[in-house]
Amino acid sequence: MTFPPRTTRFGATAALLSALLIGGTVTAAGPATAASTSAAAVGDICYSDLPSQAHDTLDLIESGGPFPYSQDGAVFQNREGILPSHSTGYYHEYTVKTPGSATRGARRIVTGQAYQEDYYTADHYASFDLVDHGC
């Protein structure tokens, strides 16, 4: 399986972060606009508040694997419609190990194509938190 590259979009990311931290709207064209308009539907979580297993998963994503589950890196369809709407292939999902679980469990990291656009879910896609890598 080929895993998607983590791309850098400093301009769009900076605009989105400014809007989220200071308040206001983002008017830039492209993927960040969709993300900013749906930001209210998605919570946020500080990187430091994630479970340690999520840190492990994010480290594996950053290094390109290897991943413990064959499903890791699969395209996430966003069927729930909670994340900002993008074309198929924009999001990919990765397992966050759950201690004591005999299965993959319910925890996942879903990545978007924007730099550090990582969403954490502890309840198998019922809710998402955008990971704030700055805290």
N, C-alpha and C. Protein backbone atom coordinates (compact mmCIF):
# COMPACT_ATOMS: atom_id res chain seq x y z
N MET A 1 0.85 -1.17 0.00
CA MET A 1 0.00 0.00 0.00
C MET A 1 0.89 1.24 0.00
N THR A 2 0.56 2.21 -0.81
CA THR A 2 1.27 3.46 -0.85
C THR A 2 0.59 4.44 0.07
N PHE A 3 1.37 5.07 0.93
CA PHE A 3 0.80 6.01 1.89
C PHE A 3 0.93 7.42 1.36
N PRO A 4 -0.07 8.27 1.60
CA PRO A 4 -0.05 9.63 1.07
C PRO A 4 1.03 10.46 1.73
N PRO A 5 1.64 11.36 0.96
CA PRO A 5 2.65 12.23 1.56
C PRO A 5 1.99 13.27 2.45
N ARG A 6 2.73 13.75 3.41
CA ARG A 6 2.26 14.84 4.26
C ARG A 6 2.74 16.12 3.59
N THR A 7 1.82 16.91 3.07
CA THR A 7 2.19 18.12 2.36
C THR A 7 2.19 19.32 3.28
N THR A 8 2.93 20.33 2.87
CA THR A 8 3.03 21.55 3.64
C THR A 8 2.30 22.66 2.91
N ARG A 9 1.37 23.30 3.62
CA ARG A 9 0.65 24.43 3.08
C ARG A 9 0.67 25.53 4.12
N PHE A 10 1.82 26.19 4.24
CA PHE A 10 2.01 27.17 5.31
C PHE A 10 1.00 28.31 5.24
N GLY A 11 0.73 28.86 4.06
CA GLY A 11 -0.18 30.00 3.96
C GLY A 11 -1.57 29.65 4.43
N ALA A 12 -2.11 28.58 3.93
CA ALA A 12 -3.47 28.18 4.30
C ALA A 12 -3.53 27.79 5.77
N THR A 13 -2.52 27.07 6.24
CA THR A 13 -2.51 26.63 7.62
C THR A 13 -2.39 27.83 8.55
N ALA A 14 -1.54 28.78 8.21
CA ALA A 14 -1.38 29.97 9.05
C ALA A 14 -2.68 30.75 9.13
N ALA A 15 -3.38 30.89 8.02
CA ALA A 15 -4.66 31.61 8.02
C ALA A 15 -5.68 30.89 8.88
N LEU A 16 -5.75 29.58 8.75
CA LEU A 16 -6.69 28.81 9.54
C LEU A 16 -6.37 28.91 11.03
N LEU A 17 -5.10 28.77 11.39
CA LEU A 17 -4.72 28.85 12.79
C LEU A 17 -5.00 30.23 13.36
N SER A 18 -4.74 31.27 12.59
CA SER A 18 -5.04 32.63 13.04
C SER A 18 -6.52 32.79 13.32
N ALA A 19 -7.35 32.29 12.41
CA ALA A 19 -8.80 32.41 12.60
C ALA A 19 -9.25 31.63 13.83
N LEU A 20 -8.67 30.47 14.05
CA LEU A 20 -9.08 29.65 15.19
C LEU A 20 -8.60 30.25 16.51
N LEU A 21 -7.38 30.82 16.52
CA LEU A 21 -6.82 31.36 17.75
C LEU A 21 -7.33 32.76 18.09
N ILE A 22 -7.50 33.58 17.07
CA ILE A 22 -7.87 34.97 17.29
C ILE A 22 -9.37 35.18 17.10
N GLY A 23 -9.96 34.36 16.27
CA GLY A 23 -11.38 34.53 15.93
C GLY A 23 -11.50 35.15 14.57
N GLY A 24 -12.63 35.01 13.99
CA GLY A 24 -12.83 35.58 12.66
C GLY A 24 -12.99 34.49 11.64
N THR A 25 -12.84 34.87 10.38
CA THR A 25 -13.04 33.93 9.29
C THR A 25 -11.81 33.85 8.42
N VAL A 26 -11.75 32.81 7.65
CA VAL A 26 -10.68 32.61 6.68
C VAL A 26 -11.30 32.77 5.31
N THR A 27 -10.68 33.61 4.47
CA THR A 27 -11.24 33.83 3.14
C THR A 27 -10.36 33.29 2.04
N ALA A 28 -9.28 32.61 2.39
CA ALA A 28 -8.40 32.05 1.37
C ALA A 28 -9.12 30.95 0.61
N ALA A 29 -8.78 30.79 -0.66
CA ALA A 29 -9.37 29.72 -1.47
C ALA A 29 -8.66 28.42 -1.17
N GLY A 30 -9.29 27.31 -1.49
CA GLY A 30 -8.64 26.01 -1.35
C GLY A 30 -9.12 25.25 -0.14
N PRO A 31 -8.39 24.17 0.22
CA PRO A 31 -8.84 23.27 1.27
C PRO A 31 -9.03 23.91 2.62
N ALA A 32 -8.23 24.92 2.97
CA ALA A 32 -8.37 25.50 4.30
C ALA A 32 -9.71 26.19 4.47
N THR A 33 -10.28 26.71 3.39
CA THR A 33 -11.57 27.37 3.49
C THR A 33 -12.64 26.39 3.95
N ALA A 34 -12.65 25.21 3.37
CA ALA A 34 -13.63 24.20 3.77
C ALA A 34 -13.38 23.79 5.22
N ALA A 35 -12.12 23.66 5.60
CA ALA A 35 -11.81 23.28 6.97
C ALA A 35 -12.26 24.35 7.94
N SER A 36 -12.06 25.62 7.59
CA SER A 36 -12.42 26.68 8.52
C SER A 36 -13.93 26.81 8.69
N THR A 37 -14.69 26.55 7.64
CA THR A 37 -16.14 26.69 7.76
C THR A 37 -16.76 25.56 8.56
N SER A 38 -16.08 24.42 8.66
CA SER A 38 -16.61 23.29 9.42
C SER A 38 -15.94 23.13 10.77
N ALA A 39 -15.04 24.04 11.10
CA ALA A 39 -14.28 23.91 12.34
C ALA A 39 -15.18 23.83 13.57
N ALA A 40 -16.33 24.50 13.54
CA ALA A 40 -17.22 24.48 14.69
C ALA A 40 -17.82 23.10 14.92
N ALA A 41 -17.92 22.28 13.88
CA ALA A 41 -18.50 20.95 14.00
C ALA A 41 -17.48 19.95 14.55
N VAL A 42 -16.23 20.35 14.60
CA VAL A 42 -15.15 19.49 15.07
C VAL A 42 -14.53 20.14 16.30
N GLY A 43 -14.30 19.35 17.34
CA GLY A 43 -13.65 19.89 18.53
C GLY A 43 -12.16 20.03 18.30
N ASP A 44 -11.44 20.31 19.36
CA ASP A 44 -9.99 20.36 19.25
C ASP A 44 -9.38 19.73 20.50
N ILE A 45 -8.15 19.27 20.35
CA ILE A 45 -7.44 18.65 21.45
C ILE A 45 -5.96 18.99 21.32
N CYS A 46 -5.34 19.31 22.44
CA CYS A 46 -3.91 19.56 22.45
C CYS A 46 -3.16 18.25 22.22
N TYR A 47 -2.10 18.33 21.47
CA TYR A 47 -1.26 17.15 21.23
C TYR A 47 -0.88 16.50 22.56
N SER A 48 -0.55 17.33 23.54
CA SER A 48 -0.11 16.81 24.84
C SER A 48 -1.22 16.08 25.59
N ASP A 49 -2.48 16.32 25.22
CA ASP A 49 -3.61 15.67 25.89
C ASP A 49 -4.01 14.34 25.23
N LEU A 50 -3.41 14.02 24.10
CA LEU A 50 -3.71 12.75 23.43
C LEU A 50 -3.16 11.59 24.24
N PRO A 51 -3.76 10.42 24.14
CA PRO A 51 -3.16 9.24 24.78
C PRO A 51 -1.82 8.93 24.13
N SER A 52 -0.93 8.31 24.88
CA SER A 52 0.42 8.02 24.36
C SER A 52 0.38 7.19 23.09
N GLN A 53 -0.62 6.32 22.96
CA GLN A 53 -0.72 5.49 21.76
C GLN A 53 -1.00 6.35 20.52
N ALA A 54 -1.70 7.47 20.68
CA ALA A 54 -1.94 8.39 19.56
C ALA A 54 -0.63 9.06 19.15
N HIS A 55 0.21 9.39 20.13
CA HIS A 55 1.54 9.93 19.81
C HIS A 55 2.32 8.92 18.98
N ASP A 56 2.25 7.64 19.37
CA ASP A 56 2.94 6.58 18.62
C ASP A 56 2.44 6.52 17.18
N THR A 57 1.13 6.60 17.01
CA THR A 57 0.53 6.55 15.67
C THR A 57 0.96 7.75 14.84
N LEU A 58 0.93 8.95 15.42
CA LEU A 58 1.35 10.14 14.70
C LEU A 58 2.83 10.06 14.30
N ASP A 59 3.67 9.49 15.18
CA ASP A 59 5.08 9.31 14.85
C ASP A 59 5.24 8.35 13.66
N LEU A 60 4.46 7.27 13.66
CA LEU A 60 4.51 6.32 12.54
C LEU A 60 4.05 6.98 11.23
N ILE A 61 3.01 7.80 11.30
CA ILE A 61 2.52 8.49 10.11
C ILE A 61 3.62 9.40 9.57
N GLU A 62 4.25 10.15 10.46
CA GLU A 62 5.28 11.10 10.06
C GLU A 62 6.47 10.39 9.41
N SER A 63 6.79 9.19 9.91
CA SER A 63 7.93 8.46 9.36
C SER A 63 7.57 7.55 8.19
N GLY A 64 6.27 7.44 7.91
CA GLY A 64 5.84 6.60 6.78
C GLY A 64 5.69 5.13 7.11
N GLY A 65 5.60 4.79 8.38
CA GLY A 65 5.38 3.40 8.80
C GLY A 65 6.67 2.74 9.23
N PRO A 66 6.63 1.43 9.41
CA PRO A 66 5.57 0.47 9.10
C PRO A 66 4.44 0.55 10.12
N PHE A 67 3.25 0.20 9.65
CA PHE A 67 2.06 0.27 10.47
C PHE A 67 1.64 -1.11 10.93
N PRO A 68 1.08 -1.21 12.13
CA PRO A 68 0.75 -2.52 12.70
C PRO A 68 -0.47 -3.21 12.09
N TYR A 69 -1.33 -2.45 11.40
CA TYR A 69 -2.55 -3.03 10.85
C TYR A 69 -2.61 -2.79 9.34
N SER A 70 -3.07 -3.80 8.61
CA SER A 70 -3.13 -3.67 7.14
C SER A 70 -4.09 -2.58 6.69
N GLN A 71 -5.05 -2.23 7.53
CA GLN A 71 -6.02 -1.18 7.16
C GLN A 71 -5.45 0.23 7.32
N ASP A 72 -4.35 0.37 8.03
CA ASP A 72 -3.76 1.69 8.26
C ASP A 72 -3.33 2.32 6.94
N GLY A 73 -3.71 3.58 6.76
CA GLY A 73 -3.41 4.30 5.54
C GLY A 73 -4.52 4.24 4.51
N ALA A 74 -5.58 3.50 4.82
CA ALA A 74 -6.71 3.39 3.89
C ALA A 74 -7.42 4.73 3.77
N VAL A 75 -8.05 4.94 2.63
CA VAL A 75 -8.80 6.17 2.42
C VAL A 75 -9.98 6.20 3.38
N PHE A 76 -10.14 7.32 4.06
CA PHE A 76 -11.28 7.54 4.95
C PHE A 76 -12.34 8.26 4.14
N GLN A 77 -13.54 7.69 4.10
CA GLN A 77 -14.61 8.18 3.24
C GLN A 77 -15.39 9.37 3.81
N ASN A 78 -15.30 9.62 5.11
CA ASN A 78 -16.04 10.71 5.75
C ASN A 78 -17.55 10.55 5.54
N ARG A 79 -18.02 9.33 5.60
CA ARG A 79 -19.45 9.05 5.41
C ARG A 79 -20.32 9.74 6.45
N GLU A 80 -19.76 9.96 7.64
CA GLU A 80 -20.51 10.61 8.71
C GLU A 80 -20.71 12.10 8.42
N GLY A 81 -19.87 12.65 7.56
CA GLY A 81 -19.99 14.06 7.19
C GLY A 81 -19.57 15.03 8.29
N ILE A 82 -18.83 14.56 9.27
CA ILE A 82 -18.41 15.43 10.37
C ILE A 82 -17.21 16.28 9.98
N LEU A 83 -16.27 15.68 9.28
CA LEU A 83 -15.08 16.43 8.85
C LEU A 83 -15.44 17.31 7.65
N PRO A 84 -14.65 18.35 7.40
CA PRO A 84 -14.89 19.19 6.22
C PRO A 84 -14.96 18.35 4.95
N SER A 85 -15.83 18.71 4.05
CA SER A 85 -16.03 17.97 2.81
C SER A 85 -14.87 18.18 1.84
N HIS A 86 -14.33 17.07 1.36
CA HIS A 86 -13.25 17.09 0.37
C HIS A 86 -13.46 15.91 -0.58
N SER A 87 -12.72 15.90 -1.65
CA SER A 87 -12.82 14.80 -2.61
C SER A 87 -12.30 13.51 -2.01
N THR A 88 -12.76 12.39 -2.56
CA THR A 88 -12.32 11.08 -2.10
C THR A 88 -10.80 10.98 -2.22
N GLY A 89 -10.18 10.48 -1.19
CA GLY A 89 -8.73 10.34 -1.17
C GLY A 89 -8.04 11.44 -0.37
N TYR A 90 -8.79 12.46 0.03
CA TYR A 90 -8.19 13.55 0.81
C TYR A 90 -7.81 13.08 2.22
N TYR A 91 -8.65 12.23 2.82
CA TYR A 91 -8.42 11.76 4.19
C TYR A 91 -7.96 10.31 4.19
N HIS A 92 -7.10 9.98 5.16
CA HIS A 92 -6.65 8.61 5.38
C HIS A 92 -6.73 8.32 6.88
N GLU A 93 -6.99 7.06 7.22
CA GLU A 93 -7.16 6.71 8.62
C GLU A 93 -6.10 5.73 9.11
N TYR A 94 -5.80 5.84 10.41
CA TYR A 94 -4.78 5.02 11.04
C TYR A 94 -5.28 4.62 12.42
N THR A 95 -4.96 3.42 12.83
CA THR A 95 -5.38 2.87 14.11
C THR A 95 -4.55 3.45 15.25
N VAL A 96 -5.22 3.80 16.33
CA VAL A 96 -4.56 4.13 17.58
C VAL A 96 -4.83 2.94 18.49
N LYS A 97 -3.77 2.22 18.85
CA LYS A 97 -3.95 1.03 19.67
C LYS A 97 -4.67 1.34 20.97
N THR A 98 -5.53 0.40 21.37
CA THR A 98 -6.28 0.51 22.62
C THR A 98 -5.77 -0.58 23.55
N PRO A 99 -5.10 -0.20 24.65
CA PRO A 99 -4.58 -1.22 25.57
C PRO A 99 -5.69 -2.15 26.05
N GLY A 100 -5.40 -3.44 26.03
CA GLY A 100 -6.36 -4.43 26.51
C GLY A 100 -7.40 -4.87 25.50
N SER A 101 -7.44 -4.23 24.34
CA SER A 101 -8.42 -4.60 23.32
C SER A 101 -7.88 -5.72 22.44
N ALA A 102 -8.72 -6.71 22.19
CA ALA A 102 -8.32 -7.82 21.33
C ALA A 102 -8.46 -7.46 19.85
N THR A 103 -9.12 -6.33 19.57
CA THR A 103 -9.32 -5.87 18.19
C THR A 103 -8.61 -4.53 18.01
N ARG A 104 -8.84 -3.90 16.87
CA ARG A 104 -8.25 -2.58 16.62
C ARG A 104 -8.82 -1.53 17.55
N GLY A 105 -9.96 -1.78 18.15
CA GLY A 105 -10.58 -0.80 19.03
C GLY A 105 -11.24 0.31 18.23
N ALA A 106 -11.65 1.36 18.92
CA ALA A 106 -12.42 2.44 18.30
C ALA A 106 -11.60 3.69 18.01
N ARG A 107 -10.36 3.73 18.48
CA ARG A 107 -9.58 4.96 18.37
C ARG A 107 -8.84 5.04 17.03
N ARG A 108 -8.89 6.22 16.42
CA ARG A 108 -8.23 6.44 15.13
C ARG A 108 -7.66 7.84 15.04
N ILE A 109 -6.67 7.97 14.17
CA ILE A 109 -6.20 9.26 13.68
C ILE A 109 -6.61 9.31 12.22
N VAL A 110 -7.27 10.38 11.82
CA VAL A 110 -7.61 10.61 10.42
C VAL A 110 -6.82 11.83 9.97
N THR A 111 -6.05 11.66 8.91
CA THR A 111 -5.23 12.77 8.42
C THR A 111 -5.82 13.36 7.16
N GLY A 112 -5.69 14.67 7.03
CA GLY A 112 -6.01 15.36 5.80
C GLY A 112 -4.72 15.64 5.06
N GLN A 113 -4.82 16.23 3.90
CA GLN A 113 -3.62 16.49 3.11
C GLN A 113 -2.86 17.73 3.55
N ALA A 114 -3.50 18.63 4.29
CA ALA A 114 -2.81 19.83 4.76
C ALA A 114 -1.81 19.45 5.84
N TYR A 115 -0.78 20.24 5.98
CA TYR A 115 0.27 20.01 6.97
C TYR A 115 -0.32 19.96 8.37
N GLN A 116 -0.06 18.89 9.11
CA GLN A 116 -0.53 18.66 10.47
C GLN A 116 -2.05 18.76 10.60
N GLU A 117 -2.76 18.33 9.58
CA GLU A 117 -4.22 18.26 9.64
C GLU A 117 -4.58 16.86 10.11
N ASP A 118 -4.57 16.70 11.42
CA ASP A 118 -4.78 15.40 12.04
C ASP A 118 -5.99 15.49 12.96
N TYR A 119 -6.88 14.53 12.83
CA TYR A 119 -8.08 14.47 13.65
C TYR A 119 -8.02 13.19 14.49
N TYR A 120 -8.40 13.29 15.76
CA TYR A 120 -8.44 12.15 16.65
C TYR A 120 -9.88 11.81 16.97
N THR A 121 -10.21 10.53 16.92
CA THR A 121 -11.52 10.06 17.36
C THR A 121 -11.31 8.89 18.32
N ALA A 122 -11.99 8.95 19.44
CA ALA A 122 -11.93 7.86 20.42
C ALA A 122 -13.17 6.99 20.35
N ASP A 123 -14.12 7.39 19.49
CA ASP A 123 -15.41 6.69 19.45
C ASP A 123 -15.81 6.24 18.04
N HIS A 124 -14.83 5.82 17.29
CA HIS A 124 -15.03 5.27 15.95
C HIS A 124 -15.89 6.16 15.07
N TYR A 125 -15.45 7.41 14.92
CA TYR A 125 -16.02 8.39 13.98
C TYR A 125 -17.30 9.07 14.43
N ALA A 126 -17.75 8.86 15.67
CA ALA A 126 -18.93 9.59 16.13
C ALA A 126 -18.60 11.05 16.42
N SER A 127 -17.34 11.32 16.76
CA SER A 127 -16.88 12.69 16.99
C SER A 127 -15.39 12.78 16.65
N PHE A 128 -14.94 13.99 16.36
CA PHE A 128 -13.54 14.22 16.00
C PHE A 128 -13.01 15.45 16.72
N ASP A 129 -11.73 15.41 17.03
CA ASP A 129 -11.02 16.57 17.56
C ASP A 129 -9.83 16.83 16.65
N LEU A 130 -9.68 18.07 16.21
CA LEU A 130 -8.51 18.48 15.45
C LEU A 130 -7.35 18.59 16.41
N VAL A 131 -6.24 17.95 16.10
CA VAL A 131 -5.08 17.95 16.98
C VAL A 131 -4.34 19.27 16.82
N ASP A 132 -4.15 19.96 17.93
CA ASP A 132 -3.35 21.18 17.97
C ASP A 132 -1.93 20.77 18.33
N HIS A 133 -1.04 20.82 17.34
CA HIS A 133 0.34 20.38 17.55
C HIS A 133 1.16 21.42 18.30
N GLY A 134 0.59 22.58 18.59
CA GLY A 134 1.32 23.64 19.25
C GLY A 134 1.15 23.67 20.76
N CYS A 135 0.41 22.73 21.31
CA CYS A 135 0.23 22.75 22.79
C CYS A 135 0.33 21.35 23.36
